[in-house]
Amino acid sequence: HAYTFTFEATGGLPPYTWTLSSGNLPTGLSLSSSGLVTGAPANSGHFHFSVRVHDSLQRGAVSSRDLTIVDLLEVVTASFPDLNVGWEINMEVEARGGILPFQWGLAPGSGPLPPGLSIVGSPYNMAMINGVVAQAGDFPFTLQVTDGSAPPQVATRDLIISVGNRPYFQDAYLPIGVVGHS
């Protein structure tokens, strides 16, 4: 993804000329003499550098800067198992990239989750879809996660939950028997 930022200065006698005074910009970014930082960062991380600005009379100032590059935010959950009416569900959804905190929900214009299910968000890279499934059918929806970057990144993923209405056993285990007792 392209990154663009323009340094600005006041005072002195324009035009201004910008140079990197110390440190390094992230690989993939460059600073033009007009103060424009552009490019596509190759790696995430925290970068510290200093920028110098000179006016037309060669008077200058230096400013230390910190730049954080984060990985692209994406929803990595790609599918869900088939469900059944009456089942109690606790399914994780996961994102990667971005920066904390996260906000989870359905994207604007999304279809609903199956009746009885809801998204329980967290500020972390995982949230839960839980509840008791109340209705059979196919339920397409768009999951959305927003990170704490400034400006925030928003990632969506189109998903579907399929719910059947087949019979199932409610008792998961047989009771323990005792030898010689009826």
N, C-alpha and C. Protein backbone atom coordinates (compact mmCIF):
# COMPACT_ATOMS: atom_id res chain seq x y z
N HIS A 1 0.82 -1.18 0.00
CA HIS A 1 0.00 0.00 0.00
C HIS A 1 0.87 1.25 0.00
N ALA A 2 0.44 2.22 -0.74
CA ALA A 2 1.21 3.46 -0.88
C ALA A 2 1.14 4.27 0.40
N TYR A 3 2.26 4.89 0.73
CA TYR A 3 2.36 5.78 1.87
C TYR A 3 2.73 7.16 1.35
N THR A 4 2.06 8.20 1.85
CA THR A 4 2.36 9.57 1.45
C THR A 4 2.25 10.48 2.65
N PHE A 5 3.25 11.32 2.82
CA PHE A 5 3.23 12.34 3.88
C PHE A 5 4.07 13.51 3.40
N THR A 6 3.63 14.73 3.69
CA THR A 6 4.39 15.92 3.32
C THR A 6 4.77 16.71 4.57
N PHE A 7 6.07 16.91 4.76
CA PHE A 7 6.54 17.76 5.85
C PHE A 7 6.22 19.21 5.50
N GLU A 8 5.96 20.01 6.53
CA GLU A 8 5.68 21.43 6.33
C GLU A 8 6.53 22.25 7.29
N ALA A 9 6.87 23.46 6.89
CA ALA A 9 7.64 24.37 7.74
C ALA A 9 7.05 25.77 7.64
N THR A 10 7.33 26.58 8.65
CA THR A 10 6.95 28.00 8.62
C THR A 10 8.18 28.81 9.02
N GLY A 11 8.16 30.07 8.69
CA GLY A 11 9.27 30.95 9.02
C GLY A 11 10.35 30.88 7.94
N GLY A 12 11.40 31.65 8.14
CA GLY A 12 12.46 31.68 7.15
C GLY A 12 11.97 32.25 5.84
N LEU A 13 12.73 31.99 4.78
CA LEU A 13 12.39 32.50 3.46
C LEU A 13 12.26 31.33 2.49
N PRO A 14 10.99 30.95 2.15
CA PRO A 14 10.80 29.85 1.20
C PRO A 14 11.47 30.15 -0.13
N PRO A 15 11.72 29.18 -0.96
CA PRO A 15 11.30 27.79 -0.82
C PRO A 15 12.20 27.02 0.15
N TYR A 16 11.64 25.91 0.66
CA TYR A 16 12.34 25.05 1.60
C TYR A 16 12.93 23.84 0.88
N THR A 17 14.03 23.33 1.42
CA THR A 17 14.64 22.10 0.92
C THR A 17 14.76 21.13 2.09
N TRP A 18 14.34 19.88 1.84
CA TRP A 18 14.29 18.87 2.90
C TRP A 18 15.33 17.78 2.62
N THR A 19 16.00 17.33 3.70
CA THR A 19 16.95 16.21 3.60
C THR A 19 16.84 15.37 4.86
N LEU A 20 17.26 14.13 4.74
CA LEU A 20 17.34 13.23 5.89
C LEU A 20 18.64 13.54 6.61
N SER A 21 18.55 13.90 7.89
CA SER A 21 19.72 14.31 8.66
C SER A 21 20.40 13.13 9.34
N SER A 22 19.61 12.20 9.88
CA SER A 22 20.16 11.00 10.51
C SER A 22 19.11 9.91 10.52
N GLY A 23 19.57 8.68 10.69
CA GLY A 23 18.65 7.54 10.69
C GLY A 23 18.23 7.19 9.29
N ASN A 24 17.27 6.29 9.20
CA ASN A 24 16.79 5.82 7.89
C ASN A 24 15.28 5.77 7.87
N LEU A 25 14.73 6.08 6.72
CA LEU A 25 13.32 5.82 6.48
C LEU A 25 13.15 4.32 6.28
N PRO A 26 11.95 3.80 6.48
CA PRO A 26 11.73 2.38 6.19
C PRO A 26 12.05 2.07 4.74
N THR A 27 12.57 0.88 4.49
CA THR A 27 12.85 0.43 3.13
C THR A 27 11.58 0.58 2.29
N GLY A 28 11.73 1.18 1.13
CA GLY A 28 10.60 1.40 0.23
C GLY A 28 10.08 2.82 0.26
N LEU A 29 10.49 3.61 1.27
CA LEU A 29 10.07 5.02 1.34
C LEU A 29 11.24 5.92 1.00
N SER A 30 10.92 7.09 0.43
CA SER A 30 11.97 8.07 0.13
C SER A 30 11.45 9.46 0.46
N LEU A 31 12.41 10.35 0.73
CA LEU A 31 12.11 11.75 1.03
C LEU A 31 12.60 12.60 -0.13
N SER A 32 11.70 13.37 -0.74
CA SER A 32 12.09 14.28 -1.82
C SER A 32 12.57 15.60 -1.23
N SER A 33 13.26 16.40 -2.01
CA SER A 33 13.75 17.70 -1.54
C SER A 33 12.61 18.67 -1.24
N SER A 34 11.39 18.35 -1.72
CA SER A 34 10.23 19.19 -1.42
C SER A 34 9.52 18.77 -0.13
N GLY A 35 10.07 17.75 0.57
CA GLY A 35 9.49 17.31 1.83
C GLY A 35 8.46 16.22 1.72
N LEU A 36 8.33 15.62 0.54
CA LEU A 36 7.33 14.59 0.31
C LEU A 36 7.94 13.21 0.58
N VAL A 37 7.32 12.47 1.49
CA VAL A 37 7.70 11.08 1.77
C VAL A 37 6.70 10.21 1.04
N THR A 38 7.21 9.35 0.14
CA THR A 38 6.33 8.47 -0.63
C THR A 38 6.95 7.10 -0.78
N GLY A 39 6.12 6.16 -1.17
CA GLY A 39 6.58 4.81 -1.46
C GLY A 39 5.68 3.78 -0.85
N ALA A 40 6.13 2.54 -0.93
CA ALA A 40 5.42 1.40 -0.34
C ALA A 40 6.36 0.73 0.65
N PRO A 41 6.10 0.88 1.95
CA PRO A 41 7.00 0.29 2.94
C PRO A 41 7.10 -1.23 2.75
N ALA A 42 8.33 -1.74 2.89
CA ALA A 42 8.57 -3.17 2.70
C ALA A 42 8.40 -3.98 3.98
N ASN A 43 8.58 -3.33 5.14
CA ASN A 43 8.53 -4.05 6.42
C ASN A 43 7.81 -3.22 7.47
N SER A 44 7.21 -3.93 8.42
CA SER A 44 6.59 -3.23 9.55
C SER A 44 7.67 -2.96 10.59
N GLY A 45 7.40 -2.03 11.50
CA GLY A 45 8.32 -1.72 12.58
C GLY A 45 8.23 -0.26 12.99
N HIS A 46 9.09 0.11 13.93
CA HIS A 46 9.18 1.49 14.41
C HIS A 46 10.50 2.05 13.91
N PHE A 47 10.45 3.22 13.32
CA PHE A 47 11.63 3.82 12.69
C PHE A 47 11.85 5.22 13.26
N HIS A 48 13.09 5.51 13.62
CA HIS A 48 13.46 6.82 14.16
C HIS A 48 14.47 7.46 13.21
N PHE A 49 14.21 8.71 12.86
CA PHE A 49 15.10 9.43 11.96
C PHE A 49 14.96 10.93 12.22
N SER A 50 15.87 11.70 11.68
CA SER A 50 15.80 13.16 11.79
C SER A 50 15.76 13.77 10.39
N VAL A 51 14.97 14.82 10.25
CA VAL A 51 14.80 15.52 8.98
C VAL A 51 15.29 16.96 9.17
N ARG A 52 16.00 17.44 8.17
CA ARG A 52 16.50 18.82 8.19
C ARG A 52 15.78 19.59 7.08
N VAL A 53 15.39 20.83 7.42
CA VAL A 53 14.81 21.73 6.44
C VAL A 53 15.69 22.97 6.36
N HIS A 54 15.96 23.41 5.12
CA HIS A 54 16.71 24.65 4.87
C HIS A 54 15.82 25.60 4.09
N ASP A 55 15.92 26.89 4.40
CA ASP A 55 15.20 27.87 3.59
C ASP A 55 16.13 28.36 2.48
N SER A 56 15.68 29.33 1.71
CA SER A 56 16.45 29.81 0.55
C SER A 56 17.74 30.52 0.97
N LEU A 57 17.86 30.93 2.24
CA LEU A 57 19.08 31.57 2.75
C LEU A 57 19.98 30.57 3.49
N GLN A 58 19.66 29.27 3.35
CA GLN A 58 20.40 28.17 3.97
C GLN A 58 20.32 28.15 5.50
N ARG A 59 19.30 28.79 6.06
CA ARG A 59 19.04 28.66 7.48
C ARG A 59 18.22 27.40 7.67
N GLY A 60 18.51 26.64 8.72
CA GLY A 60 17.84 25.35 8.83
C GLY A 60 17.35 25.01 10.22
N ALA A 61 16.61 23.96 10.27
CA ALA A 61 16.12 23.38 11.52
C ALA A 61 16.10 21.87 11.34
N VAL A 62 16.24 21.14 12.45
CA VAL A 62 16.22 19.68 12.43
C VAL A 62 15.11 19.21 13.36
N SER A 63 14.40 18.18 12.94
CA SER A 63 13.34 17.61 13.76
C SER A 63 13.48 16.09 13.78
N SER A 64 13.47 15.51 14.98
CA SER A 64 13.48 14.05 15.12
C SER A 64 12.06 13.53 14.98
N ARG A 65 11.93 12.44 14.25
CA ARG A 65 10.60 11.88 13.98
C ARG A 65 10.61 10.38 14.23
N ASP A 66 9.44 9.86 14.60
CA ASP A 66 9.22 8.44 14.74
C ASP A 66 8.10 8.05 13.80
N LEU A 67 8.28 6.96 13.11
CA LEU A 67 7.27 6.48 12.16
C LEU A 67 7.02 5.01 12.45
N THR A 68 5.76 4.66 12.60
CA THR A 68 5.37 3.27 12.82
C THR A 68 4.71 2.76 11.54
N ILE A 69 5.19 1.63 11.07
CA ILE A 69 4.60 0.95 9.91
C ILE A 69 4.02 -0.36 10.41
N VAL A 70 2.75 -0.60 10.16
CA VAL A 70 2.10 -1.83 10.60
C VAL A 70 1.75 -2.69 9.40
N ASP A 71 1.60 -3.98 9.65
CA ASP A 71 1.17 -4.88 8.60
C ASP A 71 -0.28 -4.59 8.24
N LEU A 72 -0.63 -4.88 7.00
CA LEU A 72 -1.98 -4.69 6.50
C LEU A 72 -2.96 -5.49 7.36
N LEU A 73 -4.02 -4.87 7.80
CA LEU A 73 -5.05 -5.53 8.60
C LEU A 73 -5.89 -6.41 7.69
N GLU A 74 -6.12 -7.65 8.12
CA GLU A 74 -6.98 -8.55 7.35
C GLU A 74 -7.69 -9.52 8.29
N VAL A 75 -8.89 -9.90 7.90
CA VAL A 75 -9.63 -10.94 8.60
C VAL A 75 -9.15 -12.26 8.04
N VAL A 76 -8.63 -13.14 8.90
CA VAL A 76 -8.08 -14.40 8.40
C VAL A 76 -9.07 -15.56 8.50
N THR A 77 -10.11 -15.42 9.30
CA THR A 77 -11.13 -16.47 9.36
C THR A 77 -11.79 -16.57 7.99
N ALA A 78 -11.79 -17.78 7.43
CA ALA A 78 -12.29 -17.95 6.06
C ALA A 78 -13.59 -18.73 5.98
N SER A 79 -13.91 -19.53 6.99
CA SER A 79 -15.12 -20.35 6.93
C SER A 79 -15.48 -20.82 8.34
N PHE A 80 -16.67 -21.38 8.43
CA PHE A 80 -17.17 -21.93 9.68
C PHE A 80 -17.70 -23.34 9.42
N PRO A 81 -17.71 -24.19 10.43
CA PRO A 81 -18.33 -25.51 10.24
C PRO A 81 -19.84 -25.36 10.12
N ASP A 82 -20.48 -26.34 9.50
CA ASP A 82 -21.94 -26.34 9.45
C ASP A 82 -22.49 -26.47 10.87
N LEU A 83 -23.54 -25.74 11.14
CA LEU A 83 -24.15 -25.73 12.47
C LEU A 83 -25.53 -26.36 12.41
N ASN A 84 -26.16 -26.49 13.56
CA ASN A 84 -27.49 -27.06 13.65
C ASN A 84 -28.32 -26.25 14.63
N VAL A 85 -29.62 -26.14 14.35
CA VAL A 85 -30.55 -25.44 15.24
C VAL A 85 -30.44 -26.06 16.63
N GLY A 86 -30.35 -25.21 17.64
CA GLY A 86 -30.30 -25.66 19.03
C GLY A 86 -28.90 -25.82 19.58
N TRP A 87 -27.90 -25.78 18.72
CA TRP A 87 -26.52 -25.93 19.21
C TRP A 87 -26.05 -24.64 19.88
N GLU A 88 -25.32 -24.81 20.98
CA GLU A 88 -24.66 -23.68 21.61
C GLU A 88 -23.30 -23.50 20.95
N ILE A 89 -23.04 -22.28 20.48
CA ILE A 89 -21.86 -22.03 19.63
C ILE A 89 -20.91 -21.04 20.30
N ASN A 90 -19.62 -21.32 20.20
CA ASN A 90 -18.54 -20.40 20.58
C ASN A 90 -17.47 -20.54 19.51
N MET A 91 -17.50 -19.70 18.49
CA MET A 91 -16.54 -19.78 17.38
C MET A 91 -15.67 -18.54 17.39
N GLU A 92 -14.35 -18.75 17.22
CA GLU A 92 -13.43 -17.63 17.15
C GLU A 92 -13.36 -17.06 15.74
N VAL A 93 -13.21 -15.75 15.66
CA VAL A 93 -12.87 -15.08 14.42
C VAL A 93 -11.55 -14.36 14.68
N GLU A 94 -10.70 -14.31 13.65
CA GLU A 94 -9.35 -13.81 13.88
C GLU A 94 -8.93 -12.82 12.80
N ALA A 95 -8.14 -11.84 13.22
CA ALA A 95 -7.53 -10.88 12.30
C ALA A 95 -6.03 -10.91 12.50
N ARG A 96 -5.30 -10.43 11.50
CA ARG A 96 -3.86 -10.26 11.66
C ARG A 96 -3.48 -8.93 11.03
N GLY A 97 -2.34 -8.41 11.51
CA GLY A 97 -1.89 -7.10 11.06
C GLY A 97 -2.49 -6.02 11.93
N GLY A 98 -2.38 -4.79 11.48
CA GLY A 98 -2.96 -3.67 12.21
C GLY A 98 -2.29 -3.43 13.54
N ILE A 99 -2.96 -2.65 14.37
CA ILE A 99 -2.44 -2.25 15.68
C ILE A 99 -3.60 -2.20 16.67
N LEU A 100 -3.35 -2.62 17.90
CA LEU A 100 -4.37 -2.62 18.94
C LEU A 100 -4.80 -1.19 19.26
N PRO A 101 -6.03 -1.00 19.74
CA PRO A 101 -7.07 -1.99 19.95
C PRO A 101 -7.92 -2.21 18.69
N PHE A 102 -8.58 -3.37 18.65
CA PHE A 102 -9.46 -3.71 17.54
C PHE A 102 -10.91 -3.51 17.95
N GLN A 103 -11.75 -3.23 16.96
CA GLN A 103 -13.21 -3.18 17.15
C GLN A 103 -13.82 -4.12 16.13
N TRP A 104 -14.71 -4.99 16.59
CA TRP A 104 -15.32 -6.03 15.75
C TRP A 104 -16.80 -5.76 15.57
N GLY A 105 -17.35 -6.14 14.43
CA GLY A 105 -18.77 -6.04 14.20
C GLY A 105 -19.12 -6.47 12.78
N LEU A 106 -20.36 -6.25 12.42
CA LEU A 106 -20.80 -6.49 11.05
C LEU A 106 -20.58 -5.21 10.25
N ALA A 107 -20.14 -5.36 9.01
CA ALA A 107 -19.92 -4.21 8.14
C ALA A 107 -21.26 -3.55 7.80
N PRO A 108 -21.25 -2.25 7.54
CA PRO A 108 -22.48 -1.59 7.08
C PRO A 108 -23.02 -2.30 5.85
N GLY A 109 -24.33 -2.55 5.84
CA GLY A 109 -24.97 -3.22 4.71
C GLY A 109 -24.87 -4.73 4.76
N SER A 110 -24.24 -5.27 5.80
CA SER A 110 -24.08 -6.72 5.92
C SER A 110 -25.42 -7.39 6.19
N GLY A 111 -25.52 -8.64 5.78
CA GLY A 111 -26.63 -9.46 6.22
C GLY A 111 -26.46 -9.80 7.69
N PRO A 112 -27.52 -10.31 8.33
CA PRO A 112 -27.43 -10.61 9.76
C PRO A 112 -26.76 -11.96 10.02
N LEU A 113 -26.31 -12.13 11.25
CA LEU A 113 -25.89 -13.45 11.71
C LEU A 113 -27.15 -14.30 11.88
N PRO A 114 -27.01 -15.62 11.97
CA PRO A 114 -28.19 -16.44 12.25
C PRO A 114 -28.84 -16.01 13.56
N PRO A 115 -30.17 -16.02 13.63
CA PRO A 115 -30.84 -15.65 14.88
C PRO A 115 -30.29 -16.47 16.05
N GLY A 116 -30.04 -15.77 17.16
CA GLY A 116 -29.50 -16.39 18.36
C GLY A 116 -28.00 -16.22 18.50
N LEU A 117 -27.30 -15.83 17.42
CA LEU A 117 -25.86 -15.64 17.48
C LEU A 117 -25.51 -14.16 17.49
N SER A 118 -24.40 -13.82 18.13
CA SER A 118 -23.92 -12.44 18.15
C SER A 118 -22.40 -12.44 18.17
N ILE A 119 -21.84 -11.28 17.81
CA ILE A 119 -20.39 -11.10 17.86
C ILE A 119 -20.03 -10.47 19.20
N VAL A 120 -19.13 -11.13 19.91
CA VAL A 120 -18.62 -10.59 21.16
C VAL A 120 -17.21 -10.10 20.85
N GLY A 121 -17.08 -8.79 20.73
CA GLY A 121 -15.82 -8.20 20.32
C GLY A 121 -14.79 -8.21 21.43
N SER A 122 -13.57 -7.93 21.04
CA SER A 122 -12.49 -7.76 22.00
C SER A 122 -11.54 -6.73 21.41
N PRO A 123 -10.68 -6.13 22.25
CA PRO A 123 -9.72 -5.18 21.70
C PRO A 123 -8.52 -5.87 21.05
N TYR A 124 -8.55 -7.20 21.02
CA TYR A 124 -7.42 -7.97 20.51
C TYR A 124 -7.71 -8.51 19.12
N ASN A 125 -6.85 -9.39 18.63
CA ASN A 125 -6.99 -9.86 17.25
C ASN A 125 -7.99 -11.00 17.13
N MET A 126 -8.68 -11.36 18.20
CA MET A 126 -9.71 -12.40 18.14
C MET A 126 -10.99 -11.91 18.80
N ALA A 127 -12.10 -12.35 18.24
CA ALA A 127 -13.41 -12.09 18.82
C ALA A 127 -14.18 -13.41 18.74
N MET A 128 -15.38 -13.44 19.31
CA MET A 128 -16.18 -14.65 19.32
C MET A 128 -17.53 -14.42 18.66
N ILE A 129 -18.01 -15.45 17.98
CA ILE A 129 -19.41 -15.50 17.57
C ILE A 129 -20.01 -16.57 18.46
N ASN A 130 -20.99 -16.17 19.28
CA ASN A 130 -21.55 -17.17 20.18
C ASN A 130 -23.05 -16.98 20.37
N GLY A 131 -23.63 -17.97 21.03
CA GLY A 131 -25.06 -17.99 21.29
C GLY A 131 -25.62 -19.37 20.99
N VAL A 132 -26.94 -19.46 20.97
CA VAL A 132 -27.63 -20.71 20.63
C VAL A 132 -28.35 -20.49 19.31
N VAL A 133 -28.00 -21.31 18.33
CA VAL A 133 -28.56 -21.16 16.98
C VAL A 133 -30.07 -21.42 17.01
N ALA A 134 -30.85 -20.48 16.47
CA ALA A 134 -32.31 -20.55 16.59
C ALA A 134 -33.04 -20.82 15.28
N GLN A 135 -32.36 -20.75 14.13
CA GLN A 135 -33.07 -20.87 12.86
C GLN A 135 -32.17 -21.51 11.82
N ALA A 136 -32.77 -22.40 11.01
CA ALA A 136 -32.02 -23.04 9.92
C ALA A 136 -31.94 -22.10 8.72
N GLY A 137 -30.91 -22.31 7.90
CA GLY A 137 -30.75 -21.54 6.67
C GLY A 137 -29.30 -21.20 6.42
N ASP A 138 -29.07 -20.53 5.31
CA ASP A 138 -27.74 -20.01 4.99
C ASP A 138 -27.75 -18.51 5.28
N PHE A 139 -26.76 -18.06 6.03
CA PHE A 139 -26.72 -16.67 6.49
C PHE A 139 -25.41 -16.01 6.05
N PRO A 140 -25.41 -15.38 4.86
CA PRO A 140 -24.22 -14.64 4.44
C PRO A 140 -24.13 -13.30 5.17
N PHE A 141 -22.93 -12.93 5.57
CA PHE A 141 -22.72 -11.67 6.26
C PHE A 141 -21.30 -11.19 5.98
N THR A 142 -21.03 -9.94 6.33
CA THR A 142 -19.69 -9.37 6.16
C THR A 142 -19.15 -8.96 7.52
N LEU A 143 -18.10 -9.67 7.94
CA LEU A 143 -17.44 -9.38 9.20
C LEU A 143 -16.50 -8.20 9.00
N GLN A 144 -16.45 -7.29 9.96
CA GLN A 144 -15.57 -6.11 9.86
C GLN A 144 -14.75 -5.97 11.13
N VAL A 145 -13.48 -5.63 10.96
CA VAL A 145 -12.61 -5.29 12.08
C VAL A 145 -11.92 -3.98 11.76
N THR A 146 -11.83 -3.12 12.77
CA THR A 146 -11.16 -1.83 12.65
C THR A 146 -10.05 -1.78 13.69
N ASP A 147 -8.88 -1.30 13.28
CA ASP A 147 -7.76 -1.27 14.23
C ASP A 147 -7.58 0.11 14.85
N GLY A 148 -6.55 0.25 15.69
CA GLY A 148 -6.29 1.49 16.40
C GLY A 148 -5.31 2.41 15.72
N SER A 149 -5.01 2.18 14.42
CA SER A 149 -4.11 3.07 13.70
C SER A 149 -4.75 4.44 13.53
N ALA A 150 -3.93 5.43 13.20
CA ALA A 150 -4.44 6.77 12.90
C ALA A 150 -3.91 7.17 11.52
N PRO A 151 -4.77 7.20 10.50
CA PRO A 151 -6.18 6.82 10.50
C PRO A 151 -6.34 5.32 10.61
N PRO A 152 -7.51 4.86 11.07
CA PRO A 152 -7.70 3.42 11.29
C PRO A 152 -7.75 2.63 9.99
N GLN A 153 -7.25 1.41 10.07
CA GLN A 153 -7.43 0.46 8.97
C GLN A 153 -8.75 -0.28 9.22
N VAL A 154 -9.45 -0.62 8.15
CA VAL A 154 -10.68 -1.39 8.23
C VAL A 154 -10.53 -2.57 7.28
N ALA A 155 -10.82 -3.77 7.81
CA ALA A 155 -10.78 -4.97 6.98
C ALA A 155 -12.12 -5.68 7.07
N THR A 156 -12.54 -6.26 5.97
CA THR A 156 -13.80 -7.00 5.94
C THR A 156 -13.57 -8.36 5.30
N ARG A 157 -14.47 -9.28 5.59
CA ARG A 157 -14.44 -10.60 4.96
C ARG A 157 -15.88 -11.06 4.81
N ASP A 158 -16.25 -11.45 3.57
CA ASP A 158 -17.57 -12.03 3.33
C ASP A 158 -17.54 -13.48 3.78
N LEU A 159 -18.48 -13.84 4.65
CA LEU A 159 -18.55 -15.18 5.22
C LEU A 159 -19.98 -15.69 5.15
N ILE A 160 -20.15 -16.97 5.40
CA ILE A 160 -21.48 -17.55 5.44
C ILE A 160 -21.52 -18.58 6.56
N ILE A 161 -22.61 -18.58 7.30
CA ILE A 161 -22.86 -19.62 8.30
C ILE A 161 -24.07 -20.40 7.82
N SER A 162 -23.89 -21.72 7.67
CA SER A 162 -24.98 -22.61 7.24
C SER A 162 -25.48 -23.37 8.46
N VAL A 163 -26.80 -23.32 8.63
CA VAL A 163 -27.43 -23.95 9.79
C VAL A 163 -28.45 -24.97 9.30
N GLY A 164 -28.29 -26.21 9.74
CA GLY A 164 -29.25 -27.26 9.42
C GLY A 164 -30.24 -27.45 10.55
N ASN A 165 -31.23 -28.32 10.30
CA ASN A 165 -32.21 -28.65 11.34
C ASN A 165 -32.38 -30.15 11.38
N ARG A 166 -31.27 -30.86 11.54
CA ARG A 166 -31.30 -32.32 11.60
C ARG A 166 -31.31 -32.75 13.06
N PRO A 167 -31.79 -33.96 13.32
CA PRO A 167 -31.78 -34.43 14.72
C PRO A 167 -30.35 -34.60 15.22
N TYR A 168 -30.18 -34.43 16.52
CA TYR A 168 -28.87 -34.62 17.13
C TYR A 168 -29.08 -35.07 18.57
N PHE A 169 -28.05 -35.70 19.13
CA PHE A 169 -28.10 -36.16 20.50
C PHE A 169 -27.81 -34.99 21.43
N GLN A 170 -28.67 -34.84 22.45
CA GLN A 170 -28.42 -33.80 23.44
C GLN A 170 -27.48 -34.28 24.53
N ASP A 171 -27.56 -35.57 24.87
CA ASP A 171 -26.68 -36.13 25.89
C ASP A 171 -25.38 -36.55 25.24
N ALA A 172 -24.30 -35.96 25.65
CA ALA A 172 -23.01 -36.25 25.03
C ALA A 172 -22.38 -37.52 25.59
N TYR A 173 -22.68 -37.88 26.84
CA TYR A 173 -22.03 -39.02 27.48
C TYR A 173 -23.05 -39.93 28.13
N LEU A 174 -22.74 -41.23 28.13
CA LEU A 174 -23.57 -42.20 28.87
C LEU A 174 -23.15 -42.13 30.32
N PRO A 175 -24.10 -42.38 31.25
CA PRO A 175 -23.72 -42.37 32.66
C PRO A 175 -22.80 -43.57 32.95
N ILE A 176 -21.99 -43.44 33.97
CA ILE A 176 -21.07 -44.50 34.37
C ILE A 176 -21.87 -45.61 35.04
N GLY A 177 -21.59 -46.83 34.65
CA GLY A 177 -22.23 -48.00 35.27
C GLY A 177 -21.34 -48.59 36.35
N VAL A 178 -21.96 -49.34 37.25
CA VAL A 178 -21.22 -50.00 38.34
C VAL A 178 -21.48 -51.50 38.22
N VAL A 179 -20.41 -52.29 38.29
CA VAL A 179 -20.53 -53.75 38.19
C VAL A 179 -21.45 -54.28 39.26
N GLY A 180 -22.42 -55.13 38.84
CA GLY A 180 -23.31 -55.78 39.77
C GLY A 180 -24.49 -54.95 40.20
N HIS A 181 -24.64 -53.76 39.72
CA HIS A 181 -25.79 -52.92 40.07
C HIS A 181 -26.66 -52.72 38.82
N SER A 182 -27.97 -52.78 39.07
CA SER A 182 -28.86 -52.57 37.94
C SER A 182 -29.49 -51.21 37.99
